[in-house]
PDB file of N, CA and C in Angstrom:
ATOM      1  N   MET A   1      91.880 157.400  70.161  1.00  0.00           N
ATOM      2  CA  MET A   1      93.359 157.266  70.288  1.00  0.00           C
ATOM      3  C   MET A   1      93.835 158.716  71.281  1.00  0.00           C
ATOM      4  N   VAL A   2      94.821 158.452  71.677  1.00  0.00           N
ATOM      5  CA  VAL A   2      95.529 159.472  72.550  1.00  0.00           C
ATOM      6  C   VAL A   2      96.510 160.537  71.775  1.00  0.00           C
ATOM      7  N   THR A   3      96.188 161.371  71.780  1.00  0.00           N
ATOM      8  CA  THR A   3      97.543 162.464  71.255  1.00  0.00           C
ATOM      9  C   THR A   3      98.586 162.757  71.688  1.00  0.00           C
ATOM     10  N   ASP A   4      99.657 163.056  70.910  1.00  0.00           N
ATOM     11  CA  ASP A   4     100.945 163.000  72.088  1.00  0.00           C
ATOM     12  C   ASP A   4     100.839 164.511  73.004  1.00  0.00           C
ATOM     13  N   ALA A   5     100.238 165.627  72.833  1.00  0.00           N
ATOM     14  CA  ALA A   5      99.603 166.209  73.904  1.00  0.00           C
ATOM     15  C   ALA A   5      99.099 165.541  74.952  1.00  0.00           C
ATOM     16  N   GLN A   6      98.182 164.908  74.879  1.00  0.00           N
ATOM     17  CA  GLN A   6      97.257 164.251  76.341  1.00  0.00           C
ATOM     18  C   GLN A   6      98.186 163.193  76.504  1.00  0.00           C
ATOM     19  N   GLN A   7      99.357 162.677  75.707  1.00  0.00           N
ATOM     20  CA  GLN A   7     100.026 161.489  76.679  1.00  0.00           C
ATOM     21  C   GLN A   7     101.251 162.688  77.462  1.00  0.00           C
ATOM     22  N   ALA A   8     101.668 163.658  76.848  1.00  0.00           N
ATOM     23  CA  ALA A   8     102.618 164.551  77.414  1.00  0.00           C
ATOM     24  C   ALA A   8     102.033 165.394  79.038  1.00  0.00           C
ATOM     25  N   CYS A   9     100.517 165.630  78.635  1.00  0.00           N
ATOM     26  CA  CYS A   9      99.644 166.237  80.028  1.00  0.00           C
ATOM     27  C   CYS A   9     100.014 164.505  80.977  1.00  0.00           C
ATOM     28  N   PHE A  10      99.783 163.686  80.285  1.00  0.00           N
ATOM     29  CA  PHE A  10      99.502 162.609  81.557  1.00  0.00           C
ATOM     30  C   PHE A  10     101.145 162.043  81.898  1.00  0.00           C
ATOM     31  N   GLU A  11     102.143 162.479  81.644  1.00  0.00           N
ATOM     32  CA  GLU A  11     103.557 162.339  81.653  1.00  0.00           C
ATOM     33  C   GLU A  11     103.774 163.776  82.986  1.00  0.00           C
ATOM     34  N   ALA A  12     103.658 164.348  82.489  1.00  0.00           N
ATOM     35  CA  ALA A  12     103.536 165.826  83.464  1.00  0.00           C
ATOM     36  C   ALA A  12     102.605 165.634  84.944  1.00  0.00           C
ATOM     37  N   GLY A  13     101.749 164.763  84.942  1.00  0.00           N
ATOM     38  CA  GLY A  13     100.955 164.600  86.167  1.00  0.00           C
ATOM     39  C   GLY A  13     101.614 163.452  87.021  1.00  0.00           C
ATOM     40  N   ILE A  14     102.086 162.479  86.160  1.00  0.00           N
ATOM     41  CA  ILE A  14     102.656 161.323  86.870  1.00  0.00           C
ATOM     42  C   ILE A  14     103.857 162.275  87.463  1.00  0.00           C
ATOM     43  N   LYS A  15     104.894 162.918  87.255  1.00  0.00           N
ATOM     44  CA  LYS A  15     105.711 163.273  87.545  1.00  0.00           C
ATOM     45  C   LYS A  15     105.694 164.293  88.515  1.00  0.00           C
ATOM     46  N   PHE A  16     104.735 165.112  88.710  1.00  0.00           N
ATOM     47  CA  PHE A  16     104.241 165.736  90.002  1.00  0.00           C
ATOM     48  C   PHE A  16     103.871 164.737  90.947  1.00  0.00           C
ATOM     49  N   GLY A  17     103.262 164.250  90.584  1.00  0.00           N
ATOM     50  CA  GLY A  17     102.506 162.656  91.639  1.00  0.00           C
ATOM     51  C   GLY A  17     103.981 162.354  92.414  1.00  0.00           C
ATOM     52  N   SER A  18     104.935 161.861  92.016  1.00  0.00           N
ATOM     53  CA  SER A  18     105.779 161.044  92.037  1.00  0.00           C
ATOM     54  C   SER A  18     106.429 162.513  93.480  1.00  0.00           C
ATOM     55  N   LEU A  19     107.069 163.470  92.672  1.00  0.00           N
ATOM     56  CA  LEU A  19     107.413 164.416  93.227  1.00  0.00           C
ATOM     57  C   LEU A  19     106.616 164.954  94.786  1.00  0.00           C
ATOM     58  N   TYR A  20     105.443 164.838  94.579  1.00  0.00           N
ATOM     59  CA  TYR A  20     104.616 165.720  96.111  1.00  0.00           C
ATOM     60  C   TYR A  20     104.913 164.202  96.726  1.00  0.00           C
ATOM     61  N   HIS A  21     104.571 163.478  96.348  1.00  0.00           N
ATOM     62  CA  HIS A  21     104.127 162.062  97.510  1.00  0.00           C
ATOM     63  C   HIS A  21     105.393 161.500  97.947  1.00  0.00           C
ATOM     64  N   GLN A  22     106.443 161.663  96.982  1.00  0.00           N
ATOM     65  CA  GLN A  22     108.146 160.772  97.369  1.00  0.00           C
ATOM     66  C   GLN A  22     108.428 161.949  98.329  1.00  0.00           C
ATOM     67  N   PHE A  23     108.475 163.271  98.448  1.00  0.00           N
ATOM     68  CA  PHE A  23     109.367 164.096  98.920  1.00  0.00           C
ATOM     69  C   PHE A  23     108.036 165.038 100.361  1.00  0.00           C
ATOM     70  N   ALA A  24     107.252 165.008 100.245  1.00  0.00           N
ATOM     71  CA  ALA A  24     106.588 165.521 101.369  1.00  0.00           C
ATOM     72  C   ALA A  24     106.608 164.711 102.365  1.00  0.00           C
ATOM     73  N   GLY A  25     106.651 165.375 103.754  1.00  0.00           N
ATOM     74  CA  GLY A  25     107.617 164.871 104.828  1.00  0.00           C
ATOM     75  C   GLY A  25     109.021 165.088 105.008  1.00  0.00           C
ATOM     76  N   THR A  26     109.792 164.990 104.151  1.00  0.00           N
ATOM     77  CA  THR A  26     111.148 164.855 104.360  1.00  0.00           C
ATOM     78  C   THR A  26     111.321 166.108 105.682  1.00  0.00           C
ATOM     79  N   PRO A  27     112.485 165.624 106.146  1.00  0.00           N
ATOM     80  CA  PRO A  27     112.552 167.029 107.049  1.00  0.00           C
ATOM     81  C   PRO A  27     113.742 167.968 106.361  1.00  0.00           C
ATOM     82  N   VAL A  28     113.498 169.396 106.148  1.00  0.00           N
ATOM     83  CA  VAL A  28     114.094 170.218 105.755  1.00  0.00           C
ATOM     84  C   VAL A  28     114.027 171.575 106.995  1.00  0.00           C
ATOM     85  N   SER A  29     115.654 172.179 106.581  1.00  0.00           N
ATOM     86  CA  SER A  29     115.861 173.516 107.168  1.00  0.00           C
ATOM     87  C   SER A  29     115.872 174.332 106.091  1.00  0.00           C
ATOM     88  N   VAL A  30     116.911 175.461 106.739  1.00  0.00           N
ATOM     89  CA  VAL A  30     116.972 176.938 105.641  1.00  0.00           C
ATOM     90  C   VAL A  30     118.252 176.239 104.978  1.00  0.00           C
ATOM     91  N   ASP A  31     119.042 175.151 105.833  1.00  0.00           N
ATOM     92  CA  ASP A  31     120.677 174.805 105.468  1.00  0.00           C
ATOM     93  C   ASP A  31     120.777 173.926 104.552  1.00  0.00           C
ATOM     94  N   SER A  32     119.641 172.916 104.863  1.00  0.00           N
ATOM     95  CA  SER A  32     119.402 171.800 103.583  1.00  0.00           C
ATOM     96  C   SER A  32     118.856 171.935 102.524  1.00  0.00           C
ATOM     97  N   ALA A  33     118.143 173.144 102.196  1.00  0.00           N
ATOM     98  CA  ALA A  33     117.129 173.132 101.837  1.00  0.00           C
ATOM     99  C   ALA A  33     117.870 172.818 100.137  1.00  0.00           C
ATOM    100  N   ARG A  34     119.127 173.451 100.100  1.00  0.00           N
ATOM    101  CA  ARG A  34     119.758 173.554  98.540  1.00  0.00           C
ATOM    102  C   ARG A  34     120.007 172.353  97.794  1.00  0.00           C
ATOM    103  N   SER A  35     120.614 171.386  99.043  1.00  0.00           N
ATOM    104  CA  SER A  35     120.727 169.922  98.448  1.00  0.00           C
ATOM    105  C   SER A  35     119.370 169.525  98.274  1.00  0.00           C
ATOM    106  N   LEU A  36     118.265 169.288  99.267  1.00  0.00           N
ATOM    107  CA  LEU A  36     117.041 168.864  99.097  1.00  0.00           C
ATOM    108  C   LEU A  36     116.757 169.352  98.082  1.00  0.00           C
ATOM    109  N   GLU A  37     116.698 170.696  97.293  1.00  0.00           N
ATOM    110  CA  GLU A  37     115.879 171.544  95.861  1.00  0.00           C
ATOM    111  C   GLU A  37     117.092 170.119  94.815  1.00  0.00           C
ATOM    112  N   THR A  38     117.832 170.077  94.696  1.00  0.00           N
ATOM    113  CA  THR A  38     118.713 169.189  93.835  1.00  0.00           C
ATOM    114  C   THR A  38     118.464 167.841  93.643  1.00  0.00           C
ATOM    115  N   ALA A  39     118.186 167.498  94.908  1.00  0.00           N
ATOM    116  CA  ALA A  39     118.229 165.515  95.183  1.00  0.00           C
ATOM    117  C   ALA A  39     116.378 165.646  93.964  1.00  0.00           C
ATOM    118  N   MET A  40     115.630 165.902  94.711  1.00  0.00           N
ATOM    119  CA  MET A  40     114.568 166.474  93.760  1.00  0.00           C
ATOM    120  C   MET A  40     114.122 166.503  92.451  1.00  0.00           C
ATOM    121  N   ALA A  41     114.899 167.503  92.269  1.00  0.00           N
ATOM    122  CA  ALA A  41     114.920 167.635  90.483  1.00  0.00           C
ATOM    123  C   ALA A  41     115.492 166.408  89.705  1.00  0.00           C
ATOM    124  N   GLU A  42     116.739 166.050  90.439  1.00  0.00           N
ATOM    125  CA  GLU A  42     118.054 165.053  89.548  1.00  0.00           C
ATOM    126  C   GLU A  42     116.771 164.286  89.741  1.00  0.00           C
ATOM    127  N   ALA A  43     116.219 163.570  90.646  1.00  0.00           N
ATOM    128  CA  ALA A  43     115.265 162.391  90.735  1.00  0.00           C
ATOM    129  C   ALA A  43     114.225 162.492  89.868  1.00  0.00           C
ATOM    130  N   ILE A  44     113.759 163.338  89.526  1.00  0.00           N
ATOM    131  CA  ILE A  44     112.293 163.643  88.620  1.00  0.00           C
ATOM    132  C   ILE A  44     112.948 163.465  87.505  1.00  0.00           C
ATOM    133  N   GLU A  45     113.906 164.208  87.418  1.00  0.00           N
ATOM    134  CA  GLU A  45     115.214 164.111  85.744  1.00  0.00           C
ATOM    135  C   GLU A  45     115.045 162.395  85.254  1.00  0.00           C
ATOM    136  N   ASN A  46     115.181 161.975  85.917  1.00  0.00           N
ATOM    137  CA  ASN A  46     115.653 160.294  85.930  1.00  0.00           C
ATOM    138  C   ASN A  46     114.189 159.703  85.093  1.00  0.00           C
ATOM    139  N   GLN A  47     112.979 159.987  84.792  1.00  0.00           N
ATOM    140  CA  GLN A  47     112.310 159.617  84.713  1.00  0.00           C
ATOM    141  C   GLN A  47     111.708 159.941  83.137  1.00  0.00           C
ATOM    142  N   PRO A  48     111.245 158.899  81.979  1.00  0.00           N
ATOM    143  CA  PRO A  48     111.216 159.121  81.070  1.00  0.00           C
ATOM    144  C   PRO A  48     110.446 160.481  80.200  1.00  0.00           C
ATOM    145  N   HIS A  49     110.924 160.982  79.712  1.00  0.00           N
ATOM    146  CA  HIS A  49     110.102 162.591  78.769  1.00  0.00           C
ATOM    147  C   HIS A  49     110.404 163.421  79.805  1.00  0.00           C
ATOM    148  N   CYS A  50     110.916 163.871  80.784  1.00  0.00           N
ATOM    149  CA  CYS A  50     111.336 164.434  81.376  1.00  0.00           C
ATOM    150  C   CYS A  50     112.873 165.678  80.882  1.00  0.00           C
ATOM    151  N   GLU A  51     112.129 166.669  80.430  1.00  0.00           N
ATOM    152  CA  GLU A  51     113.181 167.646  79.842  1.00  0.00           C
ATOM    153  C   GLU A  51     114.153 168.346  81.083  1.00  0.00           C
ATOM    154  N   ALA A  52     113.178 169.299  81.628  1.00  0.00           N
ATOM    155  CA  ALA A  52     114.097 169.654  82.737  1.00  0.00           C
ATOM    156  C   ALA A  52     112.714 170.292  84.198  1.00  0.00           C
ATOM    157  N   VAL A  53     113.518 170.095  85.256  1.00  0.00           N
ATOM    158  CA  VAL A  53     112.684 170.483  86.641  1.00  0.00           C
ATOM    159  C   VAL A  53     113.601 171.342  87.463  1.00  0.00           C
ATOM    160  N   ALA A  54     112.988 172.230  88.237  1.00  0.00           N
ATOM    161  CA  ALA A  54     112.970 173.166  88.736  1.00  0.00           C
ATOM    162  C   ALA A  54     112.793 173.343  89.923  1.00  0.00           C
ATOM    163  N   VAL A  55     113.119 173.359  91.315  1.00  0.00           N
ATOM    164  CA  VAL A  55     112.671 173.272  92.305  1.00  0.00           C
ATOM    165  C   VAL A  55     113.123 174.386  93.384  1.00  0.00           C
ATOM    166  N   ARG A  56     112.120 175.109  94.232  1.00  0.00           N
ATOM    167  CA  ARG A  56     112.450 176.128  94.940  1.00  0.00           C
ATOM    168  C   ARG A  56     111.700 175.635  96.011  1.00  0.00           C
ATOM    169  N   ILE A  57     112.744 175.906  96.923  1.00  0.00           N
ATOM    170  CA  ILE A  57     112.391 175.892  98.549  1.00  0.00           C
ATOM    171  C   ILE A  57     112.367 176.774  99.319  1.00  0.00           C
ATOM    172  N   LEU A  58     111.590 177.973  99.402  1.00  0.00           N
ATOM    173  CA  LEU A  58     111.318 178.859 100.081  1.00  0.00           C
ATOM    174  C   LEU A  58     111.765 179.125 101.359  1.00  0.00           C
ATOM    175  N   ASP A  59     112.617 179.682 101.480  1.00  0.00           N
ATOM    176  CA  ASP A  59     113.550 179.643 103.002  1.00  0.00           C
ATOM    177  C   ASP A  59     112.579 180.745 103.923  1.00  0.00           C
ATOM    178  N   ASP A  60     111.549 181.993 103.265  1.00  0.00           N
ATOM    179  CA  ASP A  60     111.211 182.685 104.370  1.00  0.00           C
ATOM    180  C   ASP A  60     110.416 181.572 105.222  1.00  0.00           C
ATOM    181  N   ARG A  61     109.441 180.804 104.202  1.00  0.00           N
ATOM    182  CA  ARG A  61     108.483 179.881 104.563  1.00  0.00           C
ATOM    183  C   ARG A  61     109.044 178.802 105.429  1.00  0.00           C
ATOM    184  N   VAL A  62     110.191 177.967 104.733  1.00  0.00           N
ATOM    185  CA  VAL A  62     110.851 177.080 106.098  1.00  0.00           C
ATOM    186  C   VAL A  62     110.948 177.476 107.180  1.00  0.00           C
ATOM    187  N   ASP A  63     111.533 179.283 107.402  1.00  0.00           N
ATOM    188  CA  ASP A  63     111.984 179.603 108.970  1.00  0.00           C
ATOM    189  C   ASP A  63     110.934 179.696 109.493  1.00  0.00           C
ATOM    190  N   ALA A  64     109.727 180.291 108.873  1.00  0.00           N
ATOM    191  CA  ALA A  64     108.282 180.329 109.746  1.00  0.00           C
ATOM    192  C   ALA A  64     107.924 179.142 110.238  1.00  0.00           C
ATOM    193  N   ALA A  65     108.652 178.356 109.286  1.00  0.00           N
ATOM    194  CA  ALA A  65     107.623 176.741 110.016  1.00  0.00           C
ATOM    195  C   ALA A  65     107.911 176.025 111.041  1.00  0.00           C
ATOM    196  N   ILE A  66     109.076 176.156 110.594  1.00  0.00           N
ATOM    197  CA  ILE A  66     110.207 175.729 111.932  1.00  0.00           C
ATOM    198  C   ILE A  66     109.404 176.411 113.848  1.00  0.00           C
ATOM    199  N   ASP A  67     108.913 175.130 114.307  1.00  0.00           N
ATOM    200  CA  ASP A  67     108.319 175.773 115.719  1.00  0.00           C
ATOM    201  C   ASP A  67     108.997 174.954 116.712  1.00  0.00           C
ATOM    202  N   HIS A  68     110.218 174.050 116.397  1.00  0.00           N
ATOM    203  CA  HIS A  68     110.704 173.881 117.645  1.00  0.00           C
ATOM    204  C   HIS A  68     112.199 173.721 117.750  1.00  0.00           C
ATOM    205  N   GLU A  69     112.646 172.970 118.751  1.00  0.00           N
ATOM    206  CA  GLU A  69     114.420 173.784 119.042  1.00  0.00           C
ATOM    207  C   GLU A  69     114.920 172.722 117.816  1.00  0.00           C
ATOM    208  N   ASN A  70     114.440 171.862 117.287  1.00  0.00           N
ATOM    209  CA  ASN A  70     115.051 170.370 116.531  1.00  0.00           C
ATOM    210  C   ASN A  70     115.777 171.448 115.464  1.00  0.00           C
ATOM    211  N   GLY A  71     115.464 172.670 114.587  1.00  0.00           N
ATOM    212  CA  GLY A  71     115.400 173.356 113.646  1.00  0.00           C
ATOM    213  C   GLY A  71     115.288 172.977 112.820  1.00  0.00           C
ATOM    214  N   TYR A  72     114.497 172.122 112.395  1.00  0.00           N
ATOM    215  CA  TYR A  72     113.681 171.823 110.601  1.00  0.00           C
ATOM    216  C   TYR A  72     112.285 171.591 111.322  1.00  0.00           C
ATOM    217  N   THR A  73     111.685 171.556 109.558  1.00  0.00           N
ATOM    218  CA  THR A  73     110.523 171.189 109.717  1.00  0.00           C
ATOM    219  C   THR A  73     109.909 170.123 108.348  1.00  0.00           C
ATOM    220  N   GLU A  74     108.838 169.345 108.459  1.00  0.00           N
ATOM    221  CA  GLU A  74     108.448 168.812 107.620  1.00  0.00           C
ATOM    222  C   GLU A  74     108.279 169.281 105.987  1.00  0.00           C
ATOM    223  N   LEU A  75     108.786 168.820 104.705  1.00  0.00           N
ATOM    224  CA  LEU A  75     108.782 169.536 103.731  1.00  0.00           C
ATOM    225  C   LEU A  75     107.134 169.254 103.350  1.00  0.00           C
ATOM    226  N   THR A  76     106.425 169.938 102.785  1.00  0.00           N
ATOM    227  CA  THR A  76     104.962 170.422 102.125  1.00  0.00           C
ATOM    228  C   THR A  76     104.872 170.960 100.930  1.00  0.00           C
ATOM    229  N   GLY A  77     103.858 170.831 100.500  1.00  0.00           N
ATOM    230  CA  GLY A  77     103.981 171.820  99.389  1.00  0.00           C
ATOM    231  C   GLY A  77     103.675 173.124  99.503  1.00  0.00           C
ATOM    232  N   SER A  78     103.284 174.058 100.378  1.00  0.00           N
ATOM    233  CA  SER A  78     103.057 175.626 100.744  1.00  0.00           C
ATOM    234  C   SER A  78     104.459 175.977 101.017  1.00  0.00           C
ATOM    235  N   LEU A  79     105.779 175.012 101.076  1.00  0.00           N
ATOM    236  CA  LEU A  79     107.003 175.685 101.376  1.00  0.00           C
ATOM    237  C   LEU A  79     107.491 175.568 100.021  1.00  0.00           C
ATOM    238  N   MET A  80     107.322 175.082  99.091  1.00  0.00           N
ATOM    239  CA  MET A  80     107.841 174.988  97.714  1.00  0.00           C
ATOM    240  C   MET A  80     107.812 175.528  96.298  1.00  0.00           C
ATOM    241  N   GLU A  81     107.819 175.805  95.207  1.00  0.00           N
ATOM    242  CA  GLU A  81     107.425 176.213  93.918  1.00  0.00           C
ATOM    243  C   GLU A  81     108.461 174.877  93.028  1.00  0.00           C
ATOM    244  N   VAL A  82     107.718 174.595  91.988  1.00  0.00           N
ATOM    245  CA  VAL A  82     108.223 173.673  91.204  1.00  0.00           C
ATOM    246  C   VAL A  82     107.707 173.963  89.863  1.00  0.00           C
ATOM    247  N   LYS A  83     109.023 173.930  89.027  1.00  0.00           N
ATOM    248  CA  LYS A  83     108.297 173.929  87.412  1.00  0.00           C
ATOM    249  C   LYS A  83     109.119 172.818  86.624  1.00  0.00           C
ATOM    250  N   MET A  84     108.256 171.938  85.587  1.00  0.00           N
ATOM    251  CA  MET A  84     108.546 170.978  84.682  1.00  0.00           C
ATOM    252  C   MET A  84     108.313 171.044  83.417  1.00  0.00           C
ATOM    253  N   GLU A  85     109.317 170.668  82.490  1.00  0.00           N
ATOM    254  CA  GLU A  85     109.143 170.402  81.146  1.00  0.00           C
ATOM    255  C   GLU A  85     109.157 169.703  80.554  1.00  0.00           C
ATOM    256  N   ILE A  86     108.020 168.625  80.054  1.00  0.00           N
ATOM    257  CA  ILE A  86     107.704 167.090  79.986  1.00  0.00           C
ATOM    258  C   ILE A  86     107.886 166.935  78.588  1.00  0.00           C
ATOM    259  N   ARG A  87     108.367 166.562  77.641  1.00  0.00           N
ATOM    260  CA  ARG A  87     108.244 166.363  76.094  1.00  0.00           C
ATOM    261  C   ARG A  87     108.298 165.299  75.716  1.00  0.00           C
ATOM    262  N   TYR A  88     106.937 164.735  74.985  1.00  0.00           N
ATOM    263  CA  TYR A  88     106.306 163.618  74.680  1.00  0.00           C
ATOM    264  C   TYR A  88     106.309 163.662  73.111  1.00  0.00           C
ATOM    265  N   GLU A  89     107.220 162.594  72.229  1.00  0.00           N
ATOM    266  CA  GLU A  89     107.022 163.198  70.661  1.00  0.00           C
ATOM    267  C   GLU A  89     107.918 164.585  70.684  1.00  0.00           C
ATOM    268  N   GLY A  90     106.653 165.040  69.713  1.00  0.00           N
ATOM    269  CA  GLY A  90     106.860 166.368  69.504  1.00  0.00           C
ATOM    270  C   GLY A  90     106.390 167.927  70.361  1.00  0.00           C
ATOM    271  N   CYS A  91     105.380 166.859  71.742  1.00  0.00           N
ATOM    272  CA  CYS A  91     104.834 167.735  72.180  1.00  0.00           C
ATOM    273  C   CYS A  91     105.637 168.077  73.451  1.00  0.00           C
ATOM    274  N   LEU A  92     105.714 169.629  73.822  1.00  0.00           N
ATOM    275  CA  LEU A  92     106.262 170.347  75.030  1.00  0.00           C
ATOM    276  C   LEU A  92     105.627 170.840  75.665  1.00  0.00           C
ATOM    277  N   VAL A  93     105.240 170.142  77.053  1.00  0.00           N
ATOM    278  CA  VAL A  93     104.130 170.972  78.251  1.00  0.00           C
ATOM    279  C   VAL A  93     105.231 171.440  78.826  1.00  0.00           C
ATOM    280  N   ARG A  94     104.880 172.597  79.471  1.00  0.00           N
ATOM    281  CA  ARG A  94     105.654 173.192  80.678  1.00  0.00           C
ATOM    282  C   ARG A  94     104.047 173.377  82.202  1.00  0.00           C
ATOM    283  N   THR A  95     104.932 173.265  83.210  1.00  0.00           N
ATOM    284  CA  THR A  95     103.879 173.000  84.475  1.00  0.00           C
ATOM    285  C   THR A  95     104.312 173.951  85.266  1.00  0.00           C
ATOM    286  N   ARG A  96     103.993 174.096  86.597  1.00  0.00           N
ATOM    287  CA  ARG A  96     104.032 174.975  87.942  1.00  0.00           C
ATOM    288  C   ARG A  96     103.389 174.263  88.778  1.00  0.00           C
ATOM    289  N   MET A  97     103.916 174.295  89.998  1.00  0.00           N
ATOM    290  CA  MET A  97     103.192 174.257  91.102  1.00  0.00           C
ATOM    291  C   MET A  97     103.518 175.313  92.318  1.00  0.00           C
ATOM    292  N   GLU A  98     102.726 175.926  92.789  1.00  0.00           N
ATOM    293  CA  GLU A  98     102.495 177.011  93.696  1.00  0.00           C
ATOM    294  C   GLU A  98     101.358 177.323  94.258  1.00  0.00           C
ATOM    295  N   MET A  99     100.861 177.820  95.335  1.00  0.00           N
ATOM    296  CA  MET A  99     100.638 177.713  96.165  1.00  0.00           C
ATOM    297  C   MET A  99      99.527 178.764  95.598  1.00  0.00           C
ATOM    298  N   GLU A 100      97.950 178.368  95.750  1.00  0.00           N
ATOM    299  CA  GLU A 100      96.839 179.142  95.005  1.00  0.00           C
ATOM    300  C   GLU A 100      95.536 178.856  96.077  1.00  0.00           C
ATOM    301  N   ASP A 101      95.629 179.528  96.646  1.00  0.00           N
ATOM    302  CA  ASP A 101      94.259 179.628  97.917  1.00  0.00           C
ATOM    303  C   ASP A 101      94.347 178.784  98.855  1.00  0.00           C
ATOM    304  N   GLY A 102      95.668 178.589  99.527  1.00  0.00           N
ATOM    305  CA  GLY A 102      96.089 177.767 100.335  1.00  0.00           C
ATOM    306  C   GLY A 102      95.877 176.922 100.002  1.00  0.00           C
ATOM    307  N   TYR A 103      96.469 176.384  98.679  1.00  0.00           N
ATOM    308  CA  TYR A 103      96.789 175.022  98.203  1.00  0.00           C
ATOM    309  C   TYR A 103      97.764 174.351  97.429  1.00  0.00           C
ATOM    310  N   PRO A 104      98.371 173.555  97.517  1.00  0.00           N
ATOM    311  CA  PRO A 104      99.743 173.325  96.829  1.00  0.00           C
ATOM    312  C   PRO A 104      99.250 172.885  95.301  1.00  0.00           C
ATOM    313  N   LEU A 105      98.952 174.325  94.125  1.00  0.00           N
ATOM    314  CA  LEU A 105      97.801 173.467  92.710  1.00  0.00           C
ATOM    315  C   LEU A 105      99.360 173.440  91.707  1.00  0.00           C
ATOM    316  N   MET A 106      99.621 171.942  90.999  1.00  0.00           N
ATOM    317  CA  MET A 106      99.341 171.661  90.132  1.00  0.00           C
ATOM    318  C   MET A 106      98.838 171.893  88.905  1.00  0.00           C
ATOM    319  N   LYS A 107      99.933 172.770  87.571  1.00  0.00           N
ATOM    320  CA  LYS A 107      98.721 173.201  86.770  1.00  0.00           C
ATOM    321  C   LYS A 107     100.137 173.300  85.703  1.00  0.00           C
ATOM    322  N   LEU A 108      98.871 173.305  84.037  1.00  0.00           N
ATOM    323  CA  LEU A 108      99.307 173.098  82.989  1.00  0.00           C
ATOM    324  C   LEU A 108      99.892 174.979  82.869  1.00  0.00           C
ATOM    325  N   VAL A 109     101.090 174.871  82.121  1.00  0.00           N
ATOM    326  CA  VAL A 109     101.557 176.319  82.260  1.00  0.00           C
ATOM    327  C   VAL A 109     101.164 176.839  80.402  1.00  0.00           C
ATOM    328  N   GLY A 110     101.733 175.390  79.165  1.00  0.00           N
ATOM    329  CA  GLY A 110     101.521 175.593  78.360  1.00  0.00           C
ATOM    330  C   GLY A 110     101.492 174.205  77.786  1.00  0.00           C
ATOM    331  N   VAL A 111     101.091 174.083  76.524  1.00  0.00           N
ATOM    332  CA  VAL A 111     101.499 172.805  75.873  1.00  0.00           C
ATOM    333  C   VAL A 111     101.138 173.191  74.031  1.00  0.00           C
ATOM    334  N   GLY A 112     102.107 172.396  73.525  1.00  0.00           N
ATOM    335  CA  GLY A 112     102.382 172.394  72.295  1.00  0.00           C
ATOM    336  C   GLY A 112     103.925 171.893  71.663  1.00  0.00           C
ATOM    337  N   GLU A 113     104.273 172.841  70.581  1.00  0.00           N
ATOM    338  CA  GLU A 113     105.392 172.257  69.837  1.00  0.00           C
ATOM    339  C   GLU A 113     106.821 172.699  70.657  1.00  0.00           C
TER     340      GLU A 113
END
């Protein structure tokens, strides 16, 4: 039998997989970062059990990654931080994605009521 907490954690993993693999490679510039943050958050919030998504694209990292005259780079995990709250039944799962040891690590921050 699967517990509500286990199902909530599974749902969080689905949301992160969807967010990362749907948007990785999207052209981004400092000028387009805010609208892309909003589009990403709103797209993932459409999924079941998703209560909140906060996407922050880091302007300084985007600017540093732009290395050609077109003025944009491709979105990668190293250019953003993400927080999500997923609720399944009575269980709330809080998650975060941020760089750790050079890798965009997605992790559980809290599991509870």
